[in-house]
Amino acid sequence: MALHIEDIPSEVLSIILDFLDTTQKFVVRGVNQRWRDSVDKNVSFCVSLCDKNYDYVRHKFGTRRVASMTIENYSRSEIPIQNLQFLHRLHIRESTKRVCDLAVRHLLLNAVKLKSLTLDDIKFGTEIAIHNQPLPALLSIEKLSVKWEQTPLSIQVSSRADNLLNHEMPKLKVLHVCQTLFATKLSRYEIDIFRLATCKPLLRQLKVEQFRPPTNDVGPAHNLTKLKKLNLTVAEADISQTDVCAWEAILSTSSKMEKLSLSYHPLEGNHGFPLSIILPVLQKSFESLVTIRLRIDPNINPHIDMKMFCDLKCIHTLCLEQRVLNAQPCIPALNLHTVLTLQTLQNFESNGLKYSGEDLLQFLDELVAHKTHVTYLCFTQHSQALRDTFEKRVCEEDLKNQFPIYNQFSDMDRLSFLITPRIQSRNQKSFCKQL
């Protein structure tokens, strides 16, 4: 006996209707009274708010269950949504008009079940978070992304951002901090990102982007004992000379790392980081690491041995990069063929690393023998030797169809090709077209 749609329980019907987009939800309200009640009482909406559609949002969504809201081009101090207790995701984007801080504070005071908060290019004109004033939204938040811009005319912007980040967030798991700094060195406000991280007991993902750390010494500024208690699964950061010790303390104890992305800080004198600080991660997280992206400093690391990655069990993407400056030699990389022993590796990128001719030939022989699952390779090197070696061997083996080399790049020293298996999947064909 077939089940009619009207026989579906109201709870199940509400879950099904919740998958529709906003326009479709208003359409299905006209089916019958039961569907209308399900949409009005149990279905949540996604709302985009700006000055121009303020009256429309107040009329259509003022009393509805709004679960996700994006705010842009908004300068009013009030929010036209009454039931903010249903709000789970909030994205405030700064564009042509400054989002009113009073409206942001109102949301943080009333959205008591907020899970994800994104403040994108916020200038923090006034105090959003006031000391000793609890913000209920931050007590339940699990993901926080804050990006702000500091200029010479707004020296206190970072101090207000620091005030917000210092607020109690007992459930925070993901933290992304990005400070776009255009101020001079004398006018900047220094935020101790590591002190903030150690105050979040459940923090598992930390991303620090375009962030200039404090200039004071890492020893007295950070409690390394607290940093060692962090057990991150995702770490993405611009490493600078002042915070290498802190990151070394964090990475030395993280035992279930899934993604590791470390680069040099563009505003500092160094151009990378010592490889020694990632060795504990490779040893303790060899069964969980999926993605590794590293920028290496040749002044600190005389060479890199690919054997350091040979024990990784789940690695999917491996990207190694050296920022090659004028008159700066490429850093030598040894045992390139070891990469092909990684049975789960699919994407390998190498930028600015130097390989011997013997390693290159052995690497290509392994590829020809189909001893790898790698589907995409990309090499960038300030020399034609790498390209010439690969092209010659591919021609000798008559493998042009199997290893198509793409030349659509302005940098002619870049060798990029897709390893084409005998039976291409739909995703690989799509990826090939994108190249």
Foldseek 3Di string as FASTA:
>chain_A
DDDDPVNDDLVVVLVVLLPDAPVVLVVQLPPDVSSVCSSQPRHEHEEEDAPVCQVVCLVPAQAGQHAHYEYENHDDLDHSHDQLCNHAYYAYEYDDDAHHLNNVLVSQQHNLQYAEYEYHAHQCPDQSADPPDARNNQQNYAEYAYEYEDAQVRLCSVVSVLRVLQHQRARYAYYHYHYHYPYDPVSHDAHAVQVSVLRHLNHAAYAYYLDDHDPDAPVVVDDLVSLLNHQHQYYHYADEPRCLVSLLSNQLNHQAHAEYHYFHNPVHDFGFHDPVSNLSNCVRHLAHYAYYAGEHTCVRPQAAEPVSNLSRAHYAEYHYEYDDDPPRAAREYPQPLSVQNHARYAEYEYYRYDYDLVNLVVNVVCLVVVSHNHFWYKYAHPDCVNVVSVVVVCVVVVPCVQWPWDCPDPRNRMTITTRHDPDDDPVSVVVVVVD
